[in-house]
Amino acid sequence: MSDTAEKTEALQHAMVEQLMAVIAAPDDEDVARAADAVVRDLDALLRAEPTPAA
């Protein structure tokens, strides 16, 4: 597994955990910020990956 694939998988798992935390504490701004950071990191990583050939 490539380094990028490992980072992507780790961020995907972190995103699930953060979204569960948001569900558990929807009014907690710190939880929301942490979830936002994970989503932004994952988005940036996925945008940097080359697109598969059609």
PDB file of N, CA and C in Angstrom:
ATOM      1  N   MET A   1       0.860  -1.173   0.000  1.00  0.00           N
ATOM      2  CA  MET A   1       0.000   0.000   0.000  1.00  0.00           C
ATOM      3  C   MET A   1       0.903   1.232   0.000  1.00  0.00           C
ATOM      4  N   SER A   2       0.574   2.176  -0.849  1.00  0.00           N
ATOM      5  CA  SER A   2       1.400   3.378  -0.956  1.00  0.00           C
ATOM      6  C   SER A   2       1.182   4.291   0.252  1.00  0.00           C
ATOM      7  N   ASP A   3       2.128   5.203   0.415  1.00  0.00           N
ATOM      8  CA  ASP A   3       2.039   6.155   1.526  1.00  0.00           C
ATOM      9  C   ASP A   3       0.768   6.992   1.415  1.00  0.00           C
ATOM     10  N   THR A   4       0.435   7.400   0.198  1.00  0.00           N
ATOM     11  CA  THR A   4      -0.771   8.201  -0.010  1.00  0.00           C
ATOM     12  C   THR A   4      -2.019   7.392   0.318  1.00  0.00           C
ATOM     13  N   ALA A   5      -2.035   6.133  -0.078  1.00  0.00           N
ATOM     14  CA  ALA A   5      -3.189   5.283   0.207  1.00  0.00           C
ATOM     15  C   ALA A   5      -3.350   5.086   1.716  1.00  0.00           C
ATOM     16  N   GLU A   6      -2.236   4.929   2.416  1.00  0.00           N
ATOM     17  CA  GLU A   6      -2.301   4.783   3.867  1.00  0.00           C
ATOM     18  C   GLU A   6      -2.811   6.060   4.520  1.00  0.00           C
ATOM     19  N   LYS A   7      -2.357   7.213   4.038  1.00  0.00           N
ATOM     20  CA  LYS A   7      -2.825   8.495   4.578  1.00  0.00           C
ATOM     21  C   LYS A   7      -4.313   8.671   4.301  1.00  0.00           C
ATOM     22  N   THR A   8      -4.726   8.312   3.092  1.00  0.00           N
ATOM     23  CA  THR A   8      -6.140   8.430   2.724  1.00  0.00           C
ATOM     24  C   THR A   8      -6.998   7.559   3.625  1.00  0.00           C
ATOM     25  N   GLU A   9      -6.577   6.326   3.820  1.00  0.00           N
ATOM     26  CA  GLU A   9      -7.346   5.414   4.677  1.00  0.00           C
ATOM     27  C   GLU A   9      -7.405   5.925   6.114  1.00  0.00           C
ATOM     28  N   ALA A  10      -6.290   6.419   6.617  1.00  0.00           N
ATOM     29  CA  ALA A  10      -6.265   6.941   7.987  1.00  0.00           C
ATOM     30  C   ALA A  10      -7.197   8.145   8.118  1.00  0.00           C
ATOM     31  N   LEU A  11      -7.187   9.024   7.114  1.00  0.00           N
ATOM     32  CA  LEU A  11      -8.064  10.193   7.160  1.00  0.00           C
ATOM     33  C   LEU A  11      -9.536   9.792   7.024  1.00  0.00           C
ATOM     34  N   GLN A  12      -9.818   8.770   6.237  1.00  0.00           N
ATOM     35  CA  GLN A  12     -11.196   8.294   6.116  1.00  0.00           C
ATOM     36  C   GLN A  12     -11.702   7.766   7.454  1.00  0.00           C
ATOM     37  N   HIS A  13     -10.869   7.020   8.141  1.00  0.00           N
ATOM     38  CA  HIS A  13     -11.258   6.511   9.463  1.00  0.00           C
ATOM     39  C   HIS A  13     -11.419   7.665  10.455  1.00  0.00           C
ATOM     40  N   ALA A  14     -10.512   8.628  10.387  1.00  0.00           N
ATOM     41  CA  ALA A  14     -10.604   9.790  11.277  1.00  0.00           C
ATOM     42  C   ALA A  14     -11.880  10.576  10.988  1.00  0.00           C
ATOM     43  N   MET A  15     -12.254  10.665   9.715  1.00  0.00           N
ATOM     44  CA  MET A  15     -13.458  11.397   9.347  1.00  0.00           C
ATOM     45  C   MET A  15     -14.691  10.724   9.953  1.00  0.00           C
ATOM     46  N   VAL A  16     -14.753   9.406   9.885  1.00  0.00           N
ATOM     47  CA  VAL A  16     -15.885   8.682  10.471  1.00  0.00           C
ATOM     48  C   VAL A  16     -15.952   8.943  11.972  1.00  0.00           C
ATOM     49  N   GLU A  17     -14.801   8.865  12.632  1.00  0.00           N
ATOM     50  CA  GLU A  17     -14.764   9.110  14.078  1.00  0.00           C
ATOM     51  C   GLU A  17     -15.209  10.533  14.404  1.00  0.00           C
ATOM     52  N   GLN A  18     -14.753  11.498  13.624  1.00  0.00           N
ATOM     53  CA  GLN A  18     -15.124  12.890  13.878  1.00  0.00           C
ATOM     54  C   GLN A  18     -16.605  13.132  13.613  1.00  0.00           C
ATOM     55  N   LEU A  19     -17.136  12.521  12.576  1.00  0.00           N
ATOM     56  CA  LEU A  19     -18.569  12.687  12.303  1.00  0.00           C
ATOM     57  C   LEU A  19     -19.417  12.074  13.408  1.00  0.00           C
ATOM     58  N   MET A  20     -18.965  10.959  13.959  1.00  0.00           N
ATOM     59  CA  MET A  20     -19.671  10.362  15.097  1.00  0.00           C
ATOM     60  C   MET A  20     -19.602  11.303  16.299  1.00  0.00           C
ATOM     61  N   ALA A  21     -18.467  11.969  16.474  1.00  0.00           N
ATOM     62  CA  ALA A  21     -18.324  12.928  17.573  1.00  0.00           C
ATOM     63  C   ALA A  21     -19.257  14.118  17.374  1.00  0.00           C
ATOM     64  N   VAL A  22     -19.420  14.558  16.130  1.00  0.00           N
ATOM     65  CA  VAL A  22     -20.336  15.671  15.843  1.00  0.00           C
ATOM     66  C   VAL A  22     -21.768  15.259  16.157  1.00  0.00           C
ATOM     67  N   ILE A  23     -22.126  14.033  15.810  1.00  0.00           N
ATOM     68  CA  ILE A  23     -23.472  13.546  16.109  1.00  0.00           C
ATOM     69  C   ILE A  23     -23.696  13.512  17.620  1.00  0.00           C
ATOM     70  N   ALA A  24     -22.671  13.106  18.354  1.00  0.00           N
ATOM     71  CA  ALA A  24     -22.784  13.009  19.807  1.00  0.00           C
ATOM     72  C   ALA A  24     -22.802  14.378  20.487  1.00  0.00           C
ATOM     73  N   ALA A  25     -22.134  15.355  19.879  1.00  0.00           N
ATOM     74  CA  ALA A  25     -22.042  16.692  20.492  1.00  0.00           C
ATOM     75  C   ALA A  25     -22.226  17.757  19.409  1.00  0.00           C
ATOM     76  N   PRO A  26     -23.454  17.881  18.884  1.00  0.00           N
ATOM     77  CA  PRO A  26     -23.676  18.780  17.744  1.00  0.00           C
ATOM     78  C   PRO A  26     -23.436  20.264  18.034  1.00  0.00           C
ATOM     79  N   ASP A  27     -23.440  20.674  19.277  1.00  0.00           N
ATOM     80  CA  ASP A  27     -23.247  22.092  19.605  1.00  0.00           C
ATOM     81  C   ASP A  27     -21.827  22.420  20.056  1.00  0.00           C
ATOM     82  N   ASP A  28     -20.938  21.442  20.021  1.00  0.00           N
ATOM     83  CA  ASP A  28     -19.565  21.634  20.480  1.00  0.00           C
ATOM     84  C   ASP A  28     -18.709  22.172  19.329  1.00  0.00           C
ATOM     85  N   GLU A  29     -18.292  23.430  19.441  1.00  0.00           N
ATOM     86  CA  GLU A  29     -17.532  24.060  18.366  1.00  0.00           C
ATOM     87  C   GLU A  29     -16.156  23.431  18.174  1.00  0.00           C
ATOM     88  N   ASP A  30     -15.539  22.966  19.246  1.00  0.00           N
ATOM     89  CA  ASP A  30     -14.231  22.317  19.125  1.00  0.00           C
ATOM     90  C   ASP A  30     -14.335  21.010  18.343  1.00  0.00           C
ATOM     91  N   VAL A  31     -15.392  20.259  18.586  1.00  0.00           N
ATOM     92  CA  VAL A  31     -15.625  19.020  17.851  1.00  0.00           C
ATOM     93  C   VAL A  31     -15.863  19.342  16.376  1.00  0.00           C
ATOM     94  N   ALA A  32     -16.633  20.377  16.121  1.00  0.00           N
ATOM     95  CA  ALA A  32     -16.911  20.777  14.741  1.00  0.00           C
ATOM     96  C   ALA A  32     -15.632  21.215  14.032  1.00  0.00           C
ATOM     97  N   ARG A  33     -14.789  21.961  14.717  1.00  0.00           N
ATOM     98  CA  ARG A  33     -13.521  22.404  14.111  1.00  0.00           C
ATOM     99  C   ARG A  33     -12.622  21.215  13.791  1.00  0.00           C
ATOM    100  N   ALA A  34     -12.562  20.259  14.701  1.00  0.00           N
ATOM    101  CA  ALA A  34     -11.731  19.070  14.477  1.00  0.00           C
ATOM    102  C   ALA A  34     -12.254  18.270  13.280  1.00  0.00           C
ATOM    103  N   ALA A  35     -13.559  18.127  13.188  1.00  0.00           N
ATOM    104  CA  ALA A  35     -14.153  17.412  12.061  1.00  0.00           C
ATOM    105  C   ALA A  35     -13.885  18.159  10.757  1.00  0.00           C
ATOM    106  N   ASP A  36     -14.011  19.460  10.791  1.00  0.00           N
ATOM    107  CA  ASP A  36     -13.755  20.280   9.606  1.00  0.00           C
ATOM    108  C   ASP A  36     -12.312  20.118   9.135  1.00  0.00           C
ATOM    109  N   ALA A  37     -11.380  20.089  10.060  1.00  0.00           N
ATOM    110  CA  ALA A  37      -9.970  19.943   9.709  1.00  0.00           C
ATOM    111  C   ALA A  37      -9.716  18.602   9.021  1.00  0.00           C
ATOM    112  N   VAL A  38     -10.330  17.543   9.530  1.00  0.00           N
ATOM    113  CA  VAL A  38     -10.145  16.223   8.921  1.00  0.00           C
ATOM    114  C   VAL A  38     -10.738  16.201   7.517  1.00  0.00           C
ATOM    115  N   VAL A  39     -11.925  16.757   7.355  1.00  0.00           N
ATOM    116  CA  VAL A  39     -12.567  16.780   6.034  1.00  0.00           C
ATOM    117  C   VAL A  39     -11.721  17.590   5.052  1.00  0.00           C
ATOM    118  N   ARG A  40     -11.211  18.724   5.485  1.00  0.00           N
ATOM    119  CA  ARG A  40     -10.363  19.543   4.606  1.00  0.00           C
ATOM    120  C   ARG A  40      -9.071  18.825   4.232  1.00  0.00           C
ATOM    121  N   ASP A  41      -8.449  18.153   5.207  1.00  0.00           N
ATOM    122  CA  ASP A  41      -7.221  17.396   4.925  1.00  0.00           C
ATOM    123  C   ASP A  41      -7.486  16.274   3.929  1.00  0.00           C
ATOM    124  N   LEU A  42      -8.573  15.544   4.129  1.00  0.00           N
ATOM    125  CA  LEU A  42      -8.920  14.458   3.219  1.00  0.00           C
ATOM    126  C   LEU A  42      -9.230  15.005   1.833  1.00  0.00           C
ATOM    127  N   ASP A  43      -9.964  16.089   1.765  1.00  0.00           N
ATOM    128  CA  ASP A  43     -10.290  16.712   0.481  1.00  0.00           C
ATOM    129  C   ASP A  43      -9.017  17.119  -0.265  1.00  0.00           C
ATOM    130  N   ALA A  44      -8.095  17.753   0.432  1.00  0.00           N
ATOM    131  CA  ALA A  44      -6.847  18.183  -0.200  1.00  0.00           C
ATOM    132  C   ALA A  44      -6.053  16.982  -0.703  1.00  0.00           C
ATOM    133  N   LEU A  45      -6.012  15.924   0.087  1.00  0.00           N
ATOM    134  CA  LEU A  45      -5.278  14.730  -0.315  1.00  0.00           C
ATOM    135  C   LEU A  45      -5.910  14.093  -1.549  1.00  0.00           C
ATOM    136  N   LEU A  46      -7.229  13.990  -1.564  1.00  0.00           N
ATOM    137  CA  LEU A  46      -7.908  13.381  -2.706  1.00  0.00           C
ATOM    138  C   LEU A  46      -7.786  14.233  -3.963  1.00  0.00           C
ATOM    139  N   ARG A  47      -7.809  15.550  -3.813  1.00  0.00           N
ATOM    140  CA  ARG A  47      -7.649  16.428  -4.976  1.00  0.00           C
ATOM    141  C   ARG A  47      -6.247  16.335  -5.566  1.00  0.00           C
ATOM    142  N   ALA A  48      -5.269  16.030  -4.735  1.00  0.00           N
ATOM    143  CA  ALA A  48      -3.877  15.943  -5.193  1.00  0.00           C
ATOM    144  C   ALA A  48      -3.587  14.624  -5.914  1.00  0.00           C
ATOM    145  N   GLU A  49      -4.435  13.621  -5.712  1.00  0.00           N
ATOM    146  CA  GLU A  49      -4.224  12.329  -6.367  1.00  0.00           C
ATOM    147  C   GLU A  49      -4.546  12.441  -7.849  1.00  0.00           C
ATOM    148  N   PRO A  50      -3.772  11.744  -8.670  1.00  0.00           N
ATOM    149  CA  PRO A  50      -4.093  11.740 -10.106  1.00  0.00           C
ATOM    150  C   PRO A  50      -5.427  11.040 -10.345  1.00  0.00           C
ATOM    151  N   THR A  51      -6.167  11.519 -11.311  1.00  0.00           N
ATOM    152  CA  THR A  51      -7.457  10.897 -11.616  1.00  0.00           C
ATOM    153  C   THR A  51      -7.222   9.638 -12.444  1.00  0.00           C
ATOM    154  N   PRO A  52      -8.032   8.610 -12.224  1.00  0.00           N
ATOM    155  CA  PRO A  52      -7.860   7.376 -12.999  1.00  0.00           C
ATOM    156  C   PRO A  52      -8.221   7.600 -14.465  1.00  0.00           C
ATOM    157  N   ALA A  53      -7.593   6.854 -15.326  1.00  0.00           N
ATOM    158  CA  ALA A  53      -7.879   6.951 -16.762  1.00  0.00           C
ATOM    159  C   ALA A  53      -9.298   6.444 -17.021  1.00  0.00           C
ATOM    160  N   ALA A  54      -9.969   7.091 -17.951  1.00  0.00           N
ATOM    161  CA  ALA A  54     -11.350   6.708 -18.285  1.00  0.00           C
ATOM    162  C   ALA A  54     -11.389   5.503 -19.176  1.00  0.00           C
TER     163      ALA A  54
END
